[in-house]
Every structure is written in structure tokens, then in C-alpha cells.
C-alpha atoms as a PDB file:
ATOM      1  CA  UNK A   1      33.703 145.040 210.502  1.00  0.00           C
ATOM      2  CA  UNK A   2      31.574 142.231 211.823  1.00  0.00           C
ATOM      3  CA  UNK A   3      29.456 140.069 209.577  1.00  0.00           C
ATOM      4  CA  UNK A   4      26.058 138.560 210.414  1.00  0.00           C
ATOM      5  CA  UNK A   5      27.149 135.184 209.024  1.00  0.00           C
ATOM      6  CA  UNK A   6      29.761 132.663 210.070  1.00  0.00           C
ATOM      7  CA  UNK A   7      32.544 132.107 207.528  1.00  0.00           C
ATOM      8  CA  UNK A   8      31.031 128.868 206.208  1.00  0.00           C
ATOM      9  CA  UNK A   9      27.687 130.656 205.686  1.00  0.00           C
ATOM     10  CA  UNK A  10      29.271 133.705 204.107  1.00  0.00           C
ATOM     11  CA  UNK A  11      30.532 131.899 201.025  1.00  0.00           C
ATOM     12  CA  UNK A  12      27.018 130.660 200.224  1.00  0.00           C
ATOM     13  CA  UNK A  13      25.500 134.130 199.946  1.00  0.00           C
ATOM     14  CA  UNK A  14      25.496 136.654 197.121  1.00  0.00           C
ATOM     15  CA  UNK A  15      26.197 140.179 198.238  1.00  0.00           C
ATOM     16  CA  UNK A  16      26.414 143.717 196.896  1.00  0.00           C
ATOM     17  CA  UNK A  17      28.442 146.739 197.937  1.00  0.00           C
ATOM     18  CA  UNK A  18      26.536 149.744 199.172  1.00  0.00           C
ATOM     19  CA  UNK A  19      28.302 153.108 199.043  1.00  0.00           C
ATOM     20  CA  UNK A  20      27.293 155.928 201.389  1.00  0.00           C
ATOM     21  CA  UNK A  21      27.774 159.245 199.614  1.00  0.00           C
ATOM     22  CA  UNK A  22      27.887 161.939 202.289  1.00  0.00           C
ATOM     23  CA  UNK A  23      26.973 164.810 200.010  1.00  0.00           C
ATOM     24  CA  UNK A  24      27.901 168.380 200.917  1.00  0.00           C
ATOM     25  CA  UNK A  25      27.322 169.540 204.478  1.00  0.00           C
ATOM     26  CA  UNK A  26      23.990 171.402 204.797  1.00  0.00           C
ATOM     27  CA  UNK A  27      23.082 170.780 201.150  1.00  0.00           C
ATOM     28  CA  UNK A  28      20.864 167.750 201.827  1.00  0.00           C
ATOM     29  CA  UNK A  29      22.308 165.866 198.848  1.00  0.00           C
ATOM     30  CA  UNK A  30      23.436 162.629 200.492  1.00  0.00           C
ATOM     31  CA  UNK A  31      22.765 159.515 198.429  1.00  0.00           C
ATOM     32  CA  UNK A  32      23.250 155.754 198.178  1.00  0.00           C
ATOM     33  CA  UNK A  33      24.969 153.949 195.298  1.00  0.00           C
ATOM     34  CA  UNK A  34      24.755 150.174 194.880  1.00  0.00           C
ATOM     35  CA  UNK A  35      27.462 148.117 193.156  1.00  0.00           C
ATOM     36  CA  UNK A  36      26.420 144.656 191.978  1.00  0.00           C
ATOM     37  CA  UNK A  37      29.396 142.374 192.639  1.00  0.00           C
ATOM     38  CA  UNK A  38      28.060 139.717 190.250  1.00  0.00           C
ATOM     39  CA  UNK A  39      27.670 141.790 187.064  1.00  0.00           C
ATOM     40  CA  UNK A  40      29.489 145.046 187.878  1.00  0.00           C
ATOM     41  CA  UNK A  41      26.434 147.261 187.390  1.00  0.00           C
ATOM     42  CA  UNK A  42      26.065 150.407 189.496  1.00  0.00           C
ATOM     43  CA  UNK A  43      22.748 151.973 190.454  1.00  0.00           C
ATOM     44  CA  UNK A  44      22.667 155.533 191.748  1.00  0.00           C
ATOM     45  CA  UNK A  45      20.216 157.228 194.145  1.00  0.00           C
ATOM     46  CA  UNK A  46      18.604 153.939 195.191  1.00  0.00           C
ATOM     47  CA  UNK A  47      16.985 155.437 198.320  1.00  0.00           C
ATOM     48  CA  UNK A  48      15.597 158.425 196.426  1.00  0.00           C
ATOM     49  CA  UNK A  49      14.166 156.233 193.679  1.00  0.00           C
ATOM     50  CA  UNK A  50      12.521 153.832 196.127  1.00  0.00           C
ATOM     51  CA  UNK A  51      11.019 156.449 198.444  1.00  0.00           C
ATOM     52  CA  UNK A  52      10.503 159.532 196.313  1.00  0.00           C
ATOM     53  CA  UNK A  53      12.562 161.706 198.644  1.00  0.00           C
ATOM     54  CA  UNK A  54      16.146 162.667 199.295  1.00  0.00           C
ATOM     55  CA  UNK A  55      18.063 160.762 201.953  1.00  0.00           C
ATOM     56  CA  UNK A  56      19.066 163.934 203.791  1.00  0.00           C
ATOM     57  CA  UNK A  57      22.166 165.746 204.982  1.00  0.00           C
ATOM     58  CA  UNK A  58      25.427 163.749 205.300  1.00  0.00           C
ATOM     59  CA  UNK A  59      25.045 159.968 205.056  1.00  0.00           C
ATOM     60  CA  UNK A  60      27.678 158.953 207.590  1.00  0.00           C
ATOM     61  CA  UNK A  61      27.424 155.141 207.632  1.00  0.00           C
ATOM     62  CA  UNK A  62      25.302 152.080 206.928  1.00  0.00           C
ATOM     63  CA  UNK A  63      24.892 148.814 208.815  1.00  0.00           C
ATOM     64  CA  UNK A  64      23.366 145.535 207.674  1.00  0.00           C
ATOM     65  CA  UNK A  65      21.775 143.597 210.546  1.00  0.00           C
ATOM     66  CA  UNK A  66      19.034 141.012 210.936  1.00  0.00           C
ATOM     67  CA  UNK A  67      18.070 141.187 207.265  1.00  0.00           C
ATOM     68  CA  UNK A  68      17.599 144.971 207.207  1.00  0.00           C
ATOM     69  CA  UNK A  69      19.709 147.934 206.260  1.00  0.00           C
ATOM     70  CA  UNK A  70      20.195 150.918 208.562  1.00  0.00           C
ATOM     71  CA  UNK A  71      21.286 154.249 207.049  1.00  0.00           C
ATOM     72  CA  UNK A  72      22.750 156.790 209.472  1.00  0.00           C
ATOM     73  CA  UNK A  73      22.202 160.380 208.281  1.00  0.00           C
ATOM     74  CA  UNK A  74      24.294 162.529 210.547  1.00  0.00           C
ATOM     75  CA  UNK A  75      23.168 166.130 210.092  1.00  0.00           C
ATOM     76  CA  UNK A  76      19.527 165.129 209.550  1.00  0.00           C
ATOM     77  CA  UNK A  77      19.583 163.511 213.030  1.00  0.00           C
ATOM     78  CA  UNK A  78      17.948 160.323 211.791  1.00  0.00           C
ATOM     79  CA  UNK A  79      18.592 156.640 211.081  1.00  0.00           C
ATOM     80  CA  UNK A  80      16.473 155.027 208.351  1.00  0.00           C
ATOM     81  CA  UNK A  81      15.636 151.329 208.327  1.00  0.00           C
ATOM     82  CA  UNK A  82      15.137 150.079 204.767  1.00  0.00           C
ATOM     83  CA  UNK A  83      14.365 146.861 202.952  1.00  0.00           C
ATOM     84  CA  UNK A  84      17.541 145.399 201.428  1.00  0.00           C
ATOM     85  CA  UNK A  85      15.868 144.424 198.150  1.00  0.00           C
ATOM     86  CA  UNK A  86      13.547 147.369 197.467  1.00  0.00           C
ATOM     87  CA  UNK A  87      15.273 150.068 199.566  1.00  0.00           C
ATOM     88  CA  UNK A  88      11.866 151.235 200.700  1.00  0.00           C
ATOM     89  CA  UNK A  89      11.737 152.737 204.172  1.00  0.00           C
ATOM     90  CA  UNK A  90      10.494 150.443 206.947  1.00  0.00           C
ATOM     91  CA  UNK A  91      10.868 152.937 209.786  1.00  0.00           C
ATOM     92  CA  UNK A  92      13.180 155.531 211.279  1.00  0.00           C
ATOM     93  CA  UNK A  93      14.836 156.510 214.537  1.00  0.00           C
ATOM     94  CA  UNK A  94      14.544 160.280 214.939  1.00  0.00           C
ATOM     95  CA  UNK A  95      15.603 163.115 217.254  1.00  0.00           C
ATOM     96  CA  UNK A  96      19.192 161.919 217.531  1.00  0.00           C
ATOM     97  CA  UNK A  97      21.861 164.526 218.292  1.00  0.00           C
ATOM     98  CA  UNK A  98      24.325 163.814 215.519  1.00  0.00           C
ATOM     99  CA  UNK A  99      24.404 160.060 214.825  1.00  0.00           C
ATOM    100  CA  UNK A 100      27.563 158.469 213.426  1.00  0.00           C
ATOM    101  CA  UNK A 101      27.269 154.664 213.694  1.00  0.00           C
ATOM    102  CA  UNK A 102      24.807 152.056 214.940  1.00  0.00           C
ATOM    103  CA  UNK A 103      25.885 148.742 216.506  1.00  0.00           C
ATOM    104  CA  UNK A 104      23.413 145.922 217.193  1.00  0.00           C
ATOM    105  CA  UNK A 105      23.467 143.911 220.413  1.00  0.00           C
ATOM    106  CA  UNK A 106      20.212 142.149 219.543  1.00  0.00           C
ATOM    107  CA  UNK A 107      17.085 142.731 217.475  1.00  0.00           C
ATOM    108  CA  UNK A 108      15.748 144.891 220.304  1.00  0.00           C
ATOM    109  CA  UNK A 109      18.853 146.745 221.465  1.00  0.00           C
ATOM    110  CA  UNK A 110      21.495 148.815 219.699  1.00  0.00           C
ATOM    111  CA  UNK A 111      24.005 151.540 220.486  1.00  0.00           C
ATOM    112  CA  UNK A 112      24.235 154.784 218.478  1.00  0.00           C
ATOM    113  CA  UNK A 113      27.336 156.969 218.688  1.00  0.00           C
ATOM    114  CA  UNK A 114      27.136 160.748 218.281  1.00  0.00           C
ATOM    115  CA  UNK A 115      29.172 163.783 217.355  1.00  0.00           C
ATOM    116  CA  UNK A 116      28.879 166.804 219.675  1.00  0.00           C
ATOM    117  CA  UNK A 117      27.414 164.768 222.512  1.00  0.00           C
ATOM    118  CA  UNK A 118      28.774 163.196 225.675  1.00  0.00           C
ATOM    119  CA  UNK A 119      26.217 160.390 225.357  1.00  0.00           C
ATOM    120  CA  UNK A 120      25.908 157.191 223.353  1.00  0.00           C
ATOM    121  CA  UNK A 121      22.225 156.504 222.707  1.00  0.00           C
ATOM    122  CA  UNK A 122      20.571 153.154 223.395  1.00  0.00           C
ATOM    123  CA  UNK A 123      17.748 152.395 220.961  1.00  0.00           C
ATOM    124  CA  UNK A 124      15.188 149.662 220.358  1.00  0.00           C
ATOM    125  CA  UNK A 125      15.361 148.889 216.606  1.00  0.00           C
ATOM    126  CA  UNK A 126      11.985 147.122 216.699  1.00  0.00           C
ATOM    127  CA  UNK A 127      10.114 150.144 218.047  1.00  0.00           C
ATOM    128  CA  UNK A 128      12.456 152.771 216.541  1.00  0.00           C
ATOM    129  CA  UNK A 129      12.651 154.481 219.928  1.00  0.00           C
ATOM    130  CA  UNK A 130      15.437 155.694 222.180  1.00  0.00           C
ATOM    131  CA  UNK A 131      15.366 153.718 225.425  1.00  0.00           C
ATOM    132  CA  UNK A 132      18.397 155.046 227.269  1.00  0.00           C
ATOM    133  CA  UNK A 133      21.826 156.655 227.074  1.00  0.00           C
ATOM    134  CA  UNK A 134      25.396 155.977 228.178  1.00  0.00           C
ATOM    135  CA  UNK A 135      27.389 158.877 229.641  1.00  0.00           C
ATOM    136  CA  UNK A 136      30.982 158.930 228.413  1.00  0.00           C
ATOM    137  CA  UNK A 137      33.247 160.268 231.190  1.00  0.00           C
ATOM    138  CA  UNK A 138      35.484 163.206 230.383  1.00  0.00           C
ATOM    139  CA  UNK A 139      33.365 164.570 227.543  1.00  0.00           C
ATOM    140  CA  UNK A 140      31.078 167.591 227.303  1.00  0.00           C
ATOM    141  CA  UNK A 141      28.251 168.241 224.868  1.00  0.00           C
ATOM    142  CA  UNK A 142      30.064 170.956 222.911  1.00  0.00           C
ATOM    143  CA  UNK A 143      33.017 168.721 222.024  1.00  0.00           C
ATOM    144  CA  UNK A 144      31.908 165.147 222.723  1.00  0.00           C
ATOM    145  CA  UNK A 145      32.498 162.565 220.040  1.00  0.00           C
ATOM    146  CA  UNK A 146      32.070 158.799 219.813  1.00  0.00           C
ATOM    147  CA  UNK A 147      32.560 156.899 216.573  1.00  0.00           C
ATOM    148  CA  UNK A 148      32.967 153.302 215.438  1.00  0.00           C
ATOM    149  CA  UNK A 149      32.108 150.297 217.604  1.00  0.00           C
ATOM    150  CA  UNK A 150      33.644 146.841 217.822  1.00  0.00           C
ATOM    151  CA  UNK A 151      32.231 144.082 220.038  1.00  0.00           C
ATOM    152  CA  UNK A 152      34.313 141.380 221.701  1.00  0.00           C
ATOM    153  CA  UNK A 153      32.317 139.180 224.072  1.00  0.00           C
ATOM    154  CA  UNK A 154      30.149 141.343 226.324  1.00  0.00           C
ATOM    155  CA  UNK A 155      32.240 144.480 225.764  1.00  0.00           C
ATOM    156  CA  UNK A 156      31.757 147.099 223.065  1.00  0.00           C
ATOM    157  CA  UNK A 157      34.812 149.205 222.259  1.00  0.00           C
ATOM    158  CA  UNK A 158      34.489 152.727 220.869  1.00  0.00           C
ATOM    159  CA  UNK A 159      36.995 155.235 219.499  1.00  0.00           C
ATOM    160  CA  UNK A 160      36.369 158.815 220.661  1.00  0.00           C
ATOM    161  CA  UNK A 161      37.420 161.061 217.811  1.00  0.00           C
ATOM    162  CA  UNK A 162      36.744 164.797 217.442  1.00  0.00           C
ATOM    163  CA  UNK A 163      38.765 166.699 220.073  1.00  0.00           C
ATOM    164  CA  UNK A 164      39.183 163.416 221.946  1.00  0.00           C
ATOM    165  CA  UNK A 165      42.016 160.932 222.456  1.00  0.00           C
ATOM    166  CA  UNK A 166      40.608 157.711 223.903  1.00  0.00           C
ATOM    167  CA  UNK A 167      39.256 154.272 223.173  1.00  0.00           C
ATOM    168  CA  UNK A 168      36.628 153.213 225.710  1.00  0.00           C
ATOM    169  CA  UNK A 169      34.957 149.922 226.614  1.00  0.00           C
ATOM    170  CA  UNK A 170      31.283 149.540 227.481  1.00  0.00           C
ATOM    171  CA  UNK A 171      29.925 146.690 229.586  1.00  0.00           C
ATOM    172  CA  UNK A 172      26.809 145.640 227.664  1.00  0.00           C
ATOM    173  CA  UNK A 173      25.299 144.070 230.775  1.00  0.00           C
ATOM    174  CA  UNK A 174      25.259 147.382 232.654  1.00  0.00           C
ATOM    175  CA  UNK A 175      25.396 149.845 229.735  1.00  0.00           C
ATOM    176  CA  UNK A 176      28.212 151.718 231.451  1.00  0.00           C
ATOM    177  CA  UNK A 177      31.723 152.715 230.416  1.00  0.00           C
ATOM    178  CA  UNK A 178      34.080 150.332 232.213  1.00  0.00           C
ATOM    179  CA  UNK A 179      37.546 151.286 230.916  1.00  0.00           C
ATOM    180  CA  UNK A 180      39.312 153.998 228.936  1.00  0.00           C
ATOM    181  CA  UNK A 181      42.781 154.329 227.412  1.00  0.00           C
ATOM    182  CA  UNK A 182      44.488 157.292 225.759  1.00  0.00           C
ATOM    183  CA  UNK A 183      45.709 156.429 222.247  1.00  0.00           C
ATOM    184  CA  UNK A 184      46.663 159.805 220.742  1.00  0.00           C
ATOM    185  CA  UNK A 185      44.925 162.844 219.325  1.00  0.00           C
ATOM    186  CA  UNK A 186      41.731 162.027 217.425  1.00  0.00           C
ATOM    187  CA  UNK A 187      41.546 158.275 216.749  1.00  0.00           C
ATOM    188  CA  UNK A 188      39.513 158.102 213.556  1.00  0.00           C
ATOM    189  CA  UNK A 189      38.452 154.463 213.282  1.00  0.00           C
ATOM    190  CA  UNK A 190      38.610 151.072 214.959  1.00  0.00           C
ATOM    191  CA  UNK A 191      38.825 147.374 214.088  1.00  0.00           C
ATOM    192  CA  UNK A 192      39.805 144.071 215.703  1.00  0.00           C
ATOM    193  CA  UNK A 193      42.196 141.388 214.521  1.00  0.00           C
ATOM    194  CA  UNK A 194      42.014 137.600 214.762  1.00  0.00           C
ATOM    195  CA  UNK A 195      43.739 137.663 218.171  1.00  0.00           C
ATOM    196  CA  UNK A 196      41.115 140.064 219.584  1.00  0.00           C
ATOM    197  CA  UNK A 197      43.480 143.006 219.682  1.00  0.00           C
ATOM    198  CA  UNK A 198      42.108 146.386 218.650  1.00  0.00           C
ATOM    199  CA  UNK A 199      43.686 148.644 216.039  1.00  0.00           C
ATOM    200  CA  UNK A 200      43.154 152.350 215.545  1.00  0.00           C
ATOM    201  CA  UNK A 201      44.761 155.187 213.626  1.00  0.00           C
ATOM    202  CA  UNK A 202      44.844 158.807 214.720  1.00  0.00           C
ATOM    203  CA  UNK A 203      44.747 161.891 212.525  1.00  0.00           C
ATOM    204  CA  UNK A 204      46.733 163.975 214.999  1.00  0.00           C
ATOM    205  CA  UNK A 205      44.360 166.938 214.854  1.00  0.00           C
ATOM    206  CA  UNK A 206      45.351 170.005 212.844  1.00  0.00           C
ATOM    207  CA  UNK A 207      47.939 172.735 213.133  1.00  0.00           C
ATOM    208  CA  UNK A 208      46.668 175.531 215.374  1.00  0.00           C
ATOM    209  CA  UNK A 209      43.985 173.406 217.061  1.00  0.00           C
ATOM    210  CA  UNK A 210      43.239 174.328 220.672  1.00  0.00           C
ATOM    211  CA  UNK A 211      43.312 170.599 221.428  1.00  0.00           C
ATOM    212  CA  UNK A 212      46.835 170.135 220.120  1.00  0.00           C
ATOM    213  CA  UNK A 213      48.506 168.745 217.029  1.00  0.00           C
ATOM    214  CA  UNK A 214      50.794 165.735 216.546  1.00  0.00           C
ATOM    215  CA  UNK A 215      51.807 163.373 213.763  1.00  0.00           C
ATOM    216  CA  UNK A 216      49.220 160.725 212.843  1.00  0.00           C
ATOM    217  CA  UNK A 217      49.833 157.311 214.359  1.00  0.00           C
ATOM    218  CA  UNK A 218      49.054 153.605 214.099  1.00  0.00           C
ATOM    219  CA  UNK A 219      48.118 152.088 217.468  1.00  0.00           C
ATOM    220  CA  UNK A 220      47.657 148.497 218.655  1.00  0.00           C
ATOM    221  CA  UNK A 221      45.433 148.173 221.740  1.00  0.00           C
ATOM    222  CA  UNK A 222      45.102 145.171 224.045  1.00  0.00           C
ATOM    223  CA  UNK A 223      41.808 144.564 225.829  1.00  0.00           C
ATOM    224  CA  UNK A 224      42.573 142.642 229.048  1.00  0.00           C
ATOM    225  CA  UNK A 225      43.185 145.142 230.490  1.00  0.00           C
ATOM    226  CA  UNK A 226      42.513 147.932 227.991  1.00  0.00           C
ATOM    227  CA  UNK A 227      45.958 149.311 227.171  1.00  0.00           C
ATOM    228  CA  UNK A 228      48.219 150.533 224.368  1.00  0.00           C
ATOM    229  CA  UNK A 229      50.470 147.662 223.258  1.00  0.00           C
ATOM    230  CA  UNK A 230      52.485 149.880 220.938  1.00  0.00           C
ATOM    231  CA  UNK A 231      52.078 153.032 218.871  1.00  0.00           C
ATOM    232  CA  UNK A 232      53.931 154.124 215.739  1.00  0.00           C
ATOM    233  CA  UNK A 233      54.025 157.732 214.469  1.00  0.00           C
ATOM    234  CA  UNK A 234      53.274 158.050 210.751  1.00  0.00           C
ATOM    235  CA  UNK A 235      55.330 160.813 209.212  1.00  0.00           C
ATOM    236  CA  UNK A 236      56.851 161.850 205.929  1.00  0.00           C
ATOM    237  CA  UNK A 237      53.570 162.116 204.040  1.00  0.00           C
ATOM    238  CA  UNK A 238      51.762 165.176 202.708  1.00  0.00           C
ATOM    239  CA  UNK A 239      48.065 165.750 203.257  1.00  0.00           C
ATOM    240  CA  UNK A 240      45.584 164.301 205.719  1.00  0.00           C
ATOM    241  CA  UNK A 241      46.090 162.174 208.785  1.00  0.00           C
ATOM    242  CA  UNK A 242      45.414 158.456 208.967  1.00  0.00           C
ATOM    243  CA  UNK A 243      41.890 156.992 208.746  1.00  0.00           C
ATOM    244  CA  UNK A 244      39.653 154.028 207.882  1.00  0.00           C
ATOM    245  CA  UNK A 245      41.559 151.123 209.394  1.00  0.00           C
ATOM    246  CA  UNK A 246      40.240 147.697 208.350  1.00  0.00           C
ATOM    247  CA  UNK A 247      41.265 144.061 208.613  1.00  0.00           C
ATOM    248  CA  UNK A 248      41.089 141.460 205.891  1.00  0.00           C
ATOM    249  CA  UNK A 249      38.697 138.517 206.216  1.00  0.00           C
ATOM    250  CA  UNK A 250      41.164 136.362 208.133  1.00  0.00           C
ATOM    251  CA  UNK A 251      42.001 139.181 210.534  1.00  0.00           C
ATOM    252  CA  UNK A 252      45.768 138.870 210.166  1.00  0.00           C
ATOM    253  CA  UNK A 253      46.390 142.032 208.126  1.00  0.00           C
ATOM    254  CA  UNK A 254      45.368 145.662 208.624  1.00  0.00           C
ATOM    255  CA  UNK A 255      44.768 148.212 205.875  1.00  0.00           C
ATOM    256  CA  UNK A 256      44.356 151.958 206.337  1.00  0.00           C
ATOM    257  CA  UNK A 257      44.571 155.315 204.590  1.00  0.00           C
ATOM    258  CA  UNK A 258      47.528 157.605 205.159  1.00  0.00           C
ATOM    259  CA  UNK A 259      47.483 159.483 201.856  1.00  0.00           C
ATOM    260  CA  UNK A 260      48.454 156.168 200.237  1.00  0.00           C
ATOM    261  CA  UNK A 261      46.670 152.920 201.085  1.00  0.00           C
ATOM    262  CA  UNK A 262      48.864 151.071 203.549  1.00  0.00           C
ATOM    263  CA  UNK A 263      48.980 147.407 204.561  1.00  0.00           C
ATOM    264  CA  UNK A 264      50.662 145.591 207.439  1.00  0.00           C
ATOM    265  CA  UNK A 265      50.627 142.155 209.025  1.00  0.00           C
ATOM    266  CA  UNK A 266      49.357 142.320 212.585  1.00  0.00           C
ATOM    267  CA  UNK A 267      52.665 140.781 213.655  1.00  0.00           C
ATOM    268  CA  UNK A 268      54.778 143.491 211.995  1.00  0.00           C
ATOM    269  CA  UNK A 269      55.421 147.092 213.000  1.00  0.00           C
ATOM    270  CA  UNK A 270      56.185 148.772 209.676  1.00  0.00           C
ATOM    271  CA  UNK A 271      53.333 149.326 207.200  1.00  0.00           C
ATOM    272  CA  UNK A 272      53.926 149.298 203.437  1.00  0.00           C
ATOM    273  CA  UNK A 273      52.292 151.329 200.692  1.00  0.00           C
ATOM    274  CA  UNK A 274      50.161 148.948 198.641  1.00  0.00           C
ATOM    275  CA  UNK A 275      48.279 151.585 196.600  1.00  0.00           C
ATOM    276  CA  UNK A 276      50.288 154.775 196.033  1.00  0.00           C
ATOM    277  CA  UNK A 277      49.116 158.296 196.735  1.00  0.00           C
ATOM    278  CA  UNK A 278      48.208 160.026 193.443  1.00  0.00           C
ATOM    279  CA  UNK A 279      47.306 163.584 194.489  1.00  0.00           C
ATOM    280  CA  UNK A 280      43.688 162.797 195.182  1.00  0.00           C
ATOM    281  CA  UNK A 281      41.508 162.362 198.281  1.00  0.00           C
ATOM    282  CA  UNK A 282      41.185 158.758 199.451  1.00  0.00           C
ATOM    283  CA  UNK A 283      38.180 159.023 201.755  1.00  0.00           C
ATOM    284  CA  UNK A 284      36.864 155.510 202.377  1.00  0.00           C
ATOM    285  CA  UNK A 285      38.111 151.931 202.398  1.00  0.00           C
ATOM    286  CA  UNK A 286      36.684 148.418 202.592  1.00  0.00           C
ATOM    287  CA  UNK A 287      37.912 144.878 201.940  1.00  0.00           C
ATOM    288  CA  UNK A 288      35.787 142.337 200.050  1.00  0.00           C
ATOM    289  CA  UNK A 289      34.853 139.593 202.564  1.00  0.00           C
ATOM    290  CA  UNK A 290      35.234 136.807 199.987  1.00  0.00           C
ATOM    291  CA  UNK A 291      37.906 137.890 197.511  1.00  0.00           C
ATOM    292  CA  UNK A 292      39.942 140.296 199.679  1.00  0.00           C
ATOM    293  CA  UNK A 293      39.715 142.865 196.864  1.00  0.00           C
ATOM    294  CA  UNK A 294      40.325 146.408 198.073  1.00  0.00           C
ATOM    295  CA  UNK A 295      37.743 149.126 197.407  1.00  0.00           C
ATOM    296  CA  UNK A 296      38.821 152.745 197.838  1.00  0.00           C
ATOM    297  CA  UNK A 297      36.477 155.742 197.826  1.00  0.00           C
ATOM    298  CA  UNK A 298      37.967 158.770 196.062  1.00  0.00           C
ATOM    299  CA  UNK A 299      36.235 162.048 196.940  1.00  0.00           C
ATOM    300  CA  UNK A 300      38.266 163.840 194.186  1.00  0.00           C
ATOM    301  CA  UNK A 301      37.447 167.465 195.134  1.00  0.00           C
ATOM    302  CA  UNK A 302      34.407 167.149 197.462  1.00  0.00           C
ATOM    303  CA  UNK A 303      32.228 168.735 194.740  1.00  0.00           C
ATOM    304  CA  UNK A 304      31.843 166.432 191.744  1.00  0.00           C
ATOM    305  CA  UNK A 305      30.573 162.844 191.948  1.00  0.00           C
ATOM    306  CA  UNK A 306      33.247 160.622 193.451  1.00  0.00           C
ATOM    307  CA  UNK A 307      34.809 157.394 192.243  1.00  0.00           C
ATOM    308  CA  UNK A 308      35.250 153.985 193.836  1.00  0.00           C
ATOM    309  CA  UNK A 309      38.410 152.191 192.726  1.00  0.00           C
ATOM    310  CA  UNK A 310      38.779 148.429 192.971  1.00  0.00           C
ATOM    311  CA  UNK A 311      42.111 146.653 193.406  1.00  0.00           C
ATOM    312  CA  UNK A 312      43.232 143.087 193.902  1.00  0.00           C
ATOM    313  CA  UNK A 313      44.650 142.185 197.303  1.00  0.00           C
ATOM    314  CA  UNK A 314      48.170 142.747 195.950  1.00  0.00           C
ATOM    315  CA  UNK A 315      47.333 146.340 194.910  1.00  0.00           C
ATOM    316  CA  UNK A 316      46.788 145.630 191.197  1.00  0.00           C
ATOM    317  CA  UNK A 317      44.124 147.932 189.739  1.00  0.00           C
ATOM    318  CA  UNK A 318      40.946 146.164 188.541  1.00  0.00           C
ATOM    319  CA  UNK A 319      38.288 148.760 187.717  1.00  0.00           C
ATOM    320  CA  UNK A 320      36.510 151.895 188.892  1.00  0.00           C
ATOM    321  CA  UNK A 321      32.982 153.279 188.898  1.00  0.00           C
ATOM    322  CA  UNK A 322      31.282 156.618 189.541  1.00  0.00           C
ATOM    323  CA  UNK A 323      29.141 157.126 192.626  1.00  0.00           C
ATOM    324  CA  UNK A 324      27.706 160.193 194.393  1.00  0.00           C
ATOM    325  CA  UNK A 325      29.263 163.247 196.016  1.00  0.00           C
ATOM    326  CA  UNK A 326      31.868 162.492 198.725  1.00  0.00           C
ATOM    327  CA  UNK A 327      31.733 158.697 198.969  1.00  0.00           C
ATOM    328  CA  UNK A 328      32.875 157.666 202.427  1.00  0.00           C
ATOM    329  CA  UNK A 329      31.461 154.591 204.148  1.00  0.00           C
ATOM    330  CA  UNK A 330      30.776 151.158 202.678  1.00  0.00           C
ATOM    331  CA  UNK A 331      28.432 148.340 203.675  1.00  0.00           C
ATOM    332  CA  UNK A 332      28.242 144.771 202.357  1.00  0.00           C
ATOM    333  CA  UNK A 333      24.584 143.810 201.857  1.00  0.00           C
ATOM    334  CA  UNK A 334      23.697 140.121 201.636  1.00  0.00           C
ATOM    335  CA  UNK A 335      20.803 138.658 199.660  1.00  0.00           C
END
């Protein structure tokens, strides 16, 4: 995750943790919870309270950029721009296919990835309008999928997830896909380390899928040229594939979910369990940019309100707090 402040600026700002609660698909019960890192208070339904309306159907992600907060609501086909203090709506980008994430290139240009589309949308955040699209080679509308975005220099890298197997690079000067590399079945997330290598984890699909099924994997990707440096199958665990890969603030350690919460130095090849699997559903993960505390979203059973669990960087449990239904993505919001 990229921050809008340099490291020396970061430590001078207070910040809170926003939790995107997906809600149940087609129920329209997505919500936002806000955890105050200074006093530990949690406020529920902050968007609903500020705007007098529900957020919509499946809150996929949130991005803080240029002093505003952008809430991506996947199955409502919309991205809301809201004030970071009041959470009142400032505008919205509508008529999107199935938005997943938004990445800012400037105050007037951003990319929006989509599920079930072979295109990445180009939008103008100032006018809230779509201004173009990027065709992703090898994808079709019925099974296209682009997900998280990481920028290094003038290139934006994207993992292609559902029924896909690639990481692509986009030249931001031409808004065209310039490179692609196969990394394994369904890479679920993407991050970069301090050496500007990319890291992804795959979920391997599911048994009986027409696209195929393999063990989940951890993959290190080099960028010049775009290539797989090494890949490690992740086996011996029960449950879901791997997801939600993150780096710590210094970029020298990766964390990800593979039933347990795993950790590994970027110079090692064998991850360790830092938070054990306890027969629940770890669904989201983020690392505190100042303290390196680990926050884990627990969806429990996909029906009742979920829990966010907080741990120290060594895996020691600190506290937990209730949020909304199916907590997934996190966003650090600065004051």
C-alpha cells in the first residue's frame, strides 16, 4: 500500500483505521466502521449516519488520496468520494461495470479495475467522469478481472484474479498494457517491497473449476523485465487459498493469509506462521504504518457482524473490536 506522505511526514500525522464491511452480496448492507487509533473507540455505519442512506452492495475497497476518501462499492457500480472528517458525500463516479480498486496518478487521473470486464477504466476524479479505458489483452467481458494496483515509476502493475493467471504492467504515459507475466491460477493481491520487487499470492482456483485447480502459491516478481523470480507452492493447510499480501512499513517483510497469518523476510523463501489458524475466516489484513501492529479482519461466518483483531508485530494479541458484516479491506485515513 502506498501512502500520500513521505516517512518523515507520516509520523507527524494522526490517523484512523477505516474498515470496509462488504455486507452480503445483493443485500445492499455494506457499511463503514472507523477505529480511532488514539483512544480505541469504534464508530459503526459512519457513511449511513453522515448521508442518511446505505452505502450499497459490497464495499470492496477504500483509498485515501489528496485529502479525500474514495469508497468503491462493487455491485452498486459506483465509487463515492467523501469528506474524511464528516464522511459526507462530495461526489460519485457512476456507471462502472464492477469496480474493485481505484489508483490515483494525479488529482485529475485515476485507474479503476473491474470484475467481469476486459477493461480498466480511466477516470477524472475532479469531474467524476470516465475519460477512457485500457484494454487488457487475453481477457473477455464474461471472465475478465483486474484487481489491486501498485505503481513503480511510470508503470502501474495489476494482478488479474478471477479466472486469470497474470500480473500486467501499464505504461501510464500511453495508458496501454506493456508487459504480462503468468504467475499461477488466480493471483489475489499485490504489493511491492523496498527493492521494488512485486509480491503476489495465488488462491489456486477451486476443485472442479473449468479454469483449473492447483495449490496456492507465494510468488516473487521482478519488474525489469516483468518476470517470475521464484514461486513457492503453499500446501498442507485446510481451507481457503492465499490472499491479502502486504509489506511492513520498511518493505523488508511480507505478511499474508493462508488460513494462518504468515510472515516472511523478503530475502527468505520459507514463510512462518505468526498468528495461528483458529477455525475461523481470516478475510482481511493490514499493517499499521507507524507501529507495525497487525490488524486481521475475521468474517466469522459471513452472516453476523465481523471482528477485527489487533496483534503486535511479533504476533502477540492486543485487542479486538466488532465491525460490520464481512469486513475485508482496510484504509488508513490521515487527519
